[in-house]
Amino acid sequence: MREVAYNDIVDAVKNMIMTTATNLPEDTLEYLETAYKEEKSEVSKKVIEQLLENAKIARDEKRPLCQDTGLAVFFVRVGADVKVAGGLLKDAINEGTEKGYTDGYLRASTCEPFSRANLKDTVGYNLPAIIHFDIVEGDKIEIEYAAKGGGSENVSRARVFPPAAGKEGIINFVKECISDAGGNPCPPITVGVGIGGTFEKACISSKHALFRDLGTTNEDPEMAELEEIMLEEINKLGIGAMGMGGTKTALGVHIEANPCHIASLPVSVNVQCHSSRHTHITI
């Protein structure tokens, strides 16, 4: 049984958050640069140019890419042969989150649902983190992190279709979600689509799909083809960068599909803004 020190996890999570807040991932940066070259609308082209300049300033001056530094979302795969020494893994991730947001001077965004009272002085600074755990083989801990802003999260949807809806029904639903969202999620966006499973599984899958690097191909050829179709249809909507009209509304569509009940077809759509802040480490 391999042991990992509690404080090592705290420090790793803290560093993930602080680095990701100011450094746009290489996959997103590359795809924004390509979108700038290929965009047909001069207005949207100018907007993308400003987004790229914003990314450069954030990196060089170590300033947050956006004033909405998001809620901390983690997908954690824990090896069956690894043990955290000195505390609980969940607590280490939450402590690292709080330190990352405080030491990085990032905004505290968690609040009570109805009173809207900020939880920084009660539960903790930008706590609790949203953590999804999975137990896997091995003696390592893999941590995927993303900062999820409110503007993109607010346009997400889920629906349980009858099986007869098929691919056409899913494509139309995804287009409807993005069309209704317009410029609110700050495009060019990345679109995560969860298909199958149960209602909650589809939602979690659509969120996790956003963690996949742009440019990677779905392992299932059928899903890879469906991603291409959805991306093409979304970019035909003409929403463009920041809703200013154009040909590059989405940078990519990522699908995660799961087996489902014979009587249902759950589908979820989750969106990430142009500032797709995500990273992955292995401890």
Protein backbone atom coordinates (compact mmCIF):
# COMPACT_ATOMS: atom_id res chain seq x y z
CA MET A 1 0.00 0.00 0.00
CA ARG A 2 1.55 3.29 -1.12
CA GLU A 3 1.11 6.31 1.14
CA VAL A 4 0.68 9.91 0.00
CA ALA A 5 1.04 12.72 2.54
CA TYR A 6 -2.07 14.79 3.19
CA ASN A 7 -0.15 18.06 2.87
CA ASP A 8 1.30 17.03 -0.51
CA ILE A 9 -2.25 16.82 -1.86
CA VAL A 10 -3.16 20.17 -0.31
CA ASP A 11 -0.18 21.84 -1.97
CA ALA A 12 -0.80 20.15 -5.32
CA VAL A 13 -4.44 21.26 -5.42
CA LYS A 14 -3.53 24.80 -4.36
CA ASN A 15 -0.97 25.05 -7.16
CA MET A 16 -3.42 23.64 -9.72
CA ILE A 17 -5.96 26.32 -8.89
CA MET A 18 -3.56 29.25 -8.85
CA THR A 19 -1.88 28.22 -12.10
CA THR A 20 -5.12 27.49 -13.94
CA ALA A 21 -6.66 30.81 -12.92
CA THR A 22 -4.02 32.77 -14.84
CA ASN A 23 -2.84 30.41 -17.59
CA LEU A 24 -5.16 29.39 -20.40
CA PRO A 25 -4.54 25.70 -21.23
CA GLU A 26 -2.53 25.07 -24.38
CA ASP A 27 -5.39 23.20 -26.10
CA THR A 28 -7.80 26.11 -25.60
CA LEU A 29 -5.21 28.69 -26.62
CA GLU A 30 -4.39 26.76 -29.80
CA TYR A 31 -8.04 26.46 -30.77
CA LEU A 32 -8.74 30.14 -30.10
CA GLU A 33 -5.81 31.03 -32.37
CA THR A 34 -7.24 28.76 -35.08
CA ALA A 35 -10.70 30.29 -34.59
CA TYR A 36 -9.17 33.74 -35.07
CA LYS A 37 -7.62 32.71 -38.38
CA GLU A 38 -10.78 31.00 -39.67
CA GLU A 39 -13.49 33.38 -38.38
CA LYS A 40 -15.40 34.99 -41.27
CA SER A 41 -16.91 37.89 -39.31
CA GLU A 42 -14.56 40.84 -38.80
CA VAL A 43 -16.38 41.80 -35.61
CA SER A 44 -16.03 38.34 -34.08
CA LYS A 45 -12.46 38.16 -35.33
CA LYS A 46 -11.69 41.33 -33.38
CA VAL A 47 -13.34 39.89 -30.28
CA ILE A 48 -11.25 36.71 -30.46
CA GLU A 49 -8.14 38.87 -30.88
CA GLN A 50 -9.06 40.59 -27.59
CA LEU A 51 -9.59 37.21 -25.90
CA LEU A 52 -6.11 36.15 -26.96
CA GLU A 53 -4.66 39.42 -25.71
CA ASN A 54 -6.48 38.92 -22.41
CA ALA A 55 -4.91 35.47 -22.10
CA LYS A 56 -1.44 36.92 -22.71
CA ILE A 57 -1.92 39.65 -20.09
CA ALA A 58 -3.26 37.13 -17.56
CA ARG A 59 -0.25 34.86 -18.08
CA ASP A 60 2.39 37.61 -18.06
CA GLU A 61 0.99 39.57 -15.11
CA LYS A 62 -0.36 36.54 -13.22
CA ARG A 63 -3.86 38.02 -13.14
CA PRO A 64 -7.07 35.93 -13.32
CA LEU A 65 -8.28 35.25 -16.85
CA CYS A 66 -11.78 36.32 -15.77
CA GLN A 67 -13.36 38.06 -12.78
CA ASP A 68 -15.54 34.95 -12.40
CA THR A 69 -12.96 32.53 -11.04
CA GLY A 70 -15.67 29.87 -10.77
CA LEU A 71 -16.52 27.05 -8.45
CA ALA A 72 -13.85 24.38 -8.06
CA VAL A 73 -14.90 21.13 -9.76
CA PHE A 74 -12.83 17.96 -9.41
CA PHE A 75 -12.93 14.47 -10.90
CA VAL A 76 -10.68 12.26 -8.78
CA ARG A 77 -9.59 8.70 -9.56
CA VAL A 78 -8.16 7.00 -6.50
CA GLY A 79 -6.03 3.88 -6.83
CA ALA A 80 -7.13 0.97 -4.66
CA ASP A 81 -3.55 0.59 -3.45
CA VAL A 82 -2.95 4.14 -2.26
CA LYS A 83 -3.61 5.63 1.17
CA VAL A 84 -3.65 9.25 2.28
CA ALA A 85 -1.53 9.66 5.40
CA GLY A 86 -2.55 12.37 7.85
CA GLY A 87 -6.15 13.00 6.91
CA LEU A 88 -8.98 12.40 4.45
CA LEU A 89 -8.55 12.92 0.71
CA LYS A 90 -11.76 14.97 0.54
CA ASP A 91 -10.52 17.28 3.29
CA ALA A 92 -7.15 17.70 1.55
CA ILE A 93 -8.84 18.73 -1.69
CA ASN A 94 -11.09 21.21 0.11
CA GLU A 95 -8.17 22.67 2.06
CA GLY A 96 -6.11 22.98 -1.12
CA THR A 97 -9.07 24.67 -2.80
CA GLU A 98 -9.41 27.23 -0.03
CA LYS A 99 -5.68 27.97 -0.05
CA GLY A 100 -5.60 28.25 -3.83
CA TYR A 101 -8.44 30.75 -3.87
CA THR A 102 -7.17 32.82 -0.94
CA ASP A 103 -3.46 32.84 -1.82
CA GLY A 104 -4.31 33.51 -5.46
CA TYR A 105 -6.63 36.39 -4.51
CA LEU A 106 -9.44 34.73 -6.42
CA ARG A 107 -13.11 35.50 -5.88
CA ALA A 108 -15.13 33.59 -3.29
CA SER A 109 -18.27 32.56 -5.18
CA THR A 110 -20.13 29.99 -3.05
CA CYS A 111 -23.27 31.16 -1.30
CA GLU A 112 -26.52 29.99 0.26
CA PRO A 113 -29.14 29.23 -2.42
CA PHE A 114 -31.81 31.64 -1.14
CA SER A 115 -30.26 34.17 1.23
CA ARG A 116 -27.27 34.45 -1.17
CA ALA A 117 -25.04 34.87 1.88
CA ASN A 118 -21.42 34.14 0.98
CA LEU A 119 -20.01 31.06 2.72
CA LYS A 120 -16.41 32.26 3.00
CA ASP A 121 -16.69 32.97 6.75
CA THR A 122 -18.76 29.89 7.65
CA VAL A 123 -18.07 26.88 5.43
CA GLY A 124 -14.82 28.23 3.98
CA TYR A 125 -13.44 30.39 1.18
CA ASN A 126 -15.05 29.14 -2.05
CA LEU A 127 -16.04 25.89 -0.34
CA PRO A 128 -17.25 23.24 -0.58
CA ALA A 129 -15.51 22.08 -3.72
CA ILE A 130 -17.54 19.91 -6.09
CA ILE A 131 -15.77 16.52 -6.03
CA HIS A 132 -16.58 13.34 -7.97
CA PHE A 133 -14.65 10.27 -6.79
CA ASP A 134 -13.94 6.98 -8.55
CA ILE A 135 -11.94 3.98 -7.30
CA VAL A 136 -9.56 2.46 -9.87
CA GLU A 137 -6.66 0.03 -9.99
CA GLY A 138 -3.16 1.11 -9.04
CA ASP A 139 -1.43 3.19 -6.38
CA LYS A 140 -1.83 6.71 -7.77
CA ILE A 141 -4.30 9.56 -7.36
CA GLU A 142 -5.39 11.34 -10.53
CA ILE A 143 -6.99 14.74 -10.07
CA GLU A 144 -8.77 16.64 -12.82
CA TYR A 145 -9.72 20.23 -12.01
CA ALA A 146 -11.78 22.91 -13.71
CA ALA A 147 -12.98 26.34 -12.66
CA LYS A 148 -16.66 26.48 -13.59
CA GLY A 149 -18.10 29.97 -14.01
CA GLY A 150 -21.74 30.90 -13.54
CA GLY A 151 -22.40 32.28 -17.01
CA SER A 152 -21.66 29.00 -18.77
CA GLU A 153 -23.17 26.80 -16.06
CA ASN A 154 -26.45 28.73 -16.17
CA VAL A 155 -27.24 27.67 -19.74
CA SER A 156 -26.83 23.94 -19.07
CA ARG A 157 -29.79 21.61 -19.46
CA ALA A 158 -30.87 17.99 -19.13
CA ARG A 159 -33.80 16.08 -20.60
CA VAL A 160 -34.90 12.46 -20.66
CA PHE A 161 -36.09 11.56 -24.16
CA PRO A 162 -38.03 8.53 -25.35
CA PRO A 163 -35.64 6.15 -27.15
CA ALA A 164 -37.33 6.93 -30.46
CA ALA A 165 -35.86 10.46 -30.37
CA GLY A 166 -32.57 8.95 -31.54
CA LYS A 167 -29.62 10.91 -32.86
CA GLU A 168 -31.78 13.51 -34.59
CA GLY A 169 -33.58 14.34 -31.35
CA ILE A 170 -30.29 14.71 -29.50
CA ILE A 171 -28.74 16.94 -32.19
CA ASN A 172 -31.80 19.19 -32.19
CA PHE A 173 -31.75 19.40 -28.40
CA VAL A 174 -28.09 20.41 -28.34
CA LYS A 175 -28.71 23.05 -31.02
CA GLU A 176 -31.71 24.36 -29.09
CA CYS A 177 -29.65 24.68 -25.89
CA ILE A 178 -26.87 26.62 -27.60
CA SER A 179 -29.27 28.77 -29.62
CA ASP A 180 -31.19 29.76 -26.48
CA ALA A 181 -27.92 30.46 -24.67
CA GLY A 182 -26.75 32.94 -27.31
CA GLY A 183 -23.86 35.05 -26.08
CA ASN A 184 -24.52 34.42 -22.36
CA PRO A 185 -21.88 31.66 -21.88
CA CYS A 186 -19.17 33.87 -23.47
CA PRO A 187 -18.41 31.99 -26.70
CA PRO A 188 -16.44 30.54 -28.42
CA ILE A 189 -17.53 27.72 -26.12
CA THR A 190 -16.76 24.07 -25.52
CA VAL A 191 -19.88 21.89 -25.35
CA GLY A 192 -20.07 18.77 -23.21
CA VAL A 193 -22.84 16.28 -24.00
CA GLY A 194 -23.76 13.36 -21.75
CA ILE A 195 -25.80 10.63 -23.40
CA GLY A 196 -27.36 7.64 -21.67
CA GLY A 197 -27.01 6.36 -18.15
CA THR A 198 -29.61 7.81 -15.82
CA PHE A 199 -30.66 11.44 -15.38
CA GLU A 200 -27.83 12.25 -12.97
CA LYS A 201 -25.26 10.14 -14.85
CA ALA A 202 -25.93 12.09 -18.05
CA CYS A 203 -25.41 15.37 -16.18
CA ILE A 204 -22.13 14.28 -14.60
CA SER A 205 -20.93 12.88 -17.94
CA SER A 206 -21.65 16.15 -19.76
CA LYS A 207 -19.60 18.01 -17.12
CA HIS A 208 -16.70 15.55 -17.30
CA ALA A 209 -16.70 15.72 -21.11
CA LEU A 210 -15.55 19.35 -20.80
CA PHE A 211 -12.29 18.19 -19.20
CA ARG A 212 -11.21 16.45 -22.40
CA ASP A 213 -8.58 18.37 -24.36
CA LEU A 214 -9.77 20.06 -27.53
CA GLY A 215 -8.56 18.18 -30.59
CA THR A 216 -8.78 14.75 -29.01
CA THR A 217 -10.95 12.20 -30.79
CA ASN A 218 -13.76 10.25 -29.17
CA GLU A 219 -12.74 6.60 -28.86
CA ASP A 220 -16.10 5.52 -30.28
CA PRO A 221 -16.22 6.26 -34.05
CA GLU A 222 -20.00 6.69 -33.92
CA MET A 223 -19.69 9.31 -31.17
CA ALA A 224 -16.77 10.99 -32.94
CA GLU A 225 -18.95 11.40 -36.03
CA LEU A 226 -21.81 12.76 -33.91
CA GLU A 227 -19.46 15.31 -32.32
CA GLU A 228 -18.46 16.58 -35.76
CA ILE A 229 -22.09 16.91 -36.84
CA MET A 230 -23.04 18.79 -33.66
CA LEU A 231 -20.08 21.16 -33.96
CA GLU A 232 -20.97 21.96 -37.55
CA GLU A 233 -24.63 22.54 -36.70
CA ILE A 234 -23.78 24.76 -33.72
CA ASN A 235 -21.43 26.91 -35.78
CA LYS A 236 -24.17 27.35 -38.38
CA LEU A 237 -26.23 29.18 -35.74
CA GLY A 238 -24.17 32.32 -36.33
CA ILE A 239 -23.87 33.35 -32.66
CA GLY A 240 -20.14 34.01 -32.89
CA ALA A 241 -17.61 35.23 -30.33
CA MET A 242 -19.32 36.78 -27.29
CA GLY A 243 -22.59 36.67 -29.25
CA MET A 244 -21.43 39.26 -31.80
CA GLY A 245 -22.31 37.08 -34.80
CA GLY A 246 -19.90 34.82 -36.63
CA THR A 247 -18.87 31.36 -37.70
CA LYS A 248 -16.98 30.21 -34.57
CA THR A 249 -19.55 29.79 -31.83
CA ALA A 250 -18.03 26.54 -30.50
CA LEU A 251 -14.45 25.30 -30.47
CA GLY A 252 -15.44 21.69 -29.87
CA VAL A 253 -18.18 19.26 -28.87
CA HIS A 254 -17.28 16.41 -26.54
CA ILE A 255 -19.61 13.47 -25.90
CA GLU A 256 -19.55 10.94 -23.08
CA ALA A 257 -21.99 8.08 -23.66
CA ASN A 258 -23.20 5.41 -21.22
CA PRO A 259 -25.54 2.41 -21.40
CA CYS A 260 -29.08 3.33 -20.40
CA HIS A 261 -32.46 1.79 -19.53
CA ILE A 262 -34.40 0.28 -22.44
CA ALA A 263 -37.24 2.75 -21.86
CA SER A 264 -35.28 6.02 -21.67
CA LEU A 265 -32.64 8.18 -23.35
CA PRO A 266 -31.22 10.77 -20.93
CA VAL A 267 -29.26 13.66 -22.45
CA SER A 268 -27.46 16.54 -20.77
CA VAL A 269 -25.68 19.57 -22.19
CA ASN A 270 -23.01 21.40 -20.17
CA VAL A 271 -21.13 24.40 -21.51
CA GLN A 272 -17.72 25.92 -20.81
CA CYS A 273 -16.84 29.47 -21.80
CA HIS A 274 -13.91 30.55 -24.01
CA SER A 275 -11.75 30.62 -20.87
CA SER A 276 -11.78 26.84 -20.49
CA ARG A 277 -9.68 26.59 -17.33
CA HIS A 278 -8.88 22.93 -16.73
CA THR A 279 -5.88 20.83 -15.78
CA HIS A 280 -4.89 17.33 -14.69
CA ILE A 281 -2.24 15.95 -12.36
CA THR A 282 -1.20 12.52 -11.13
CA ILE A 283 0.18 12.04 -7.62
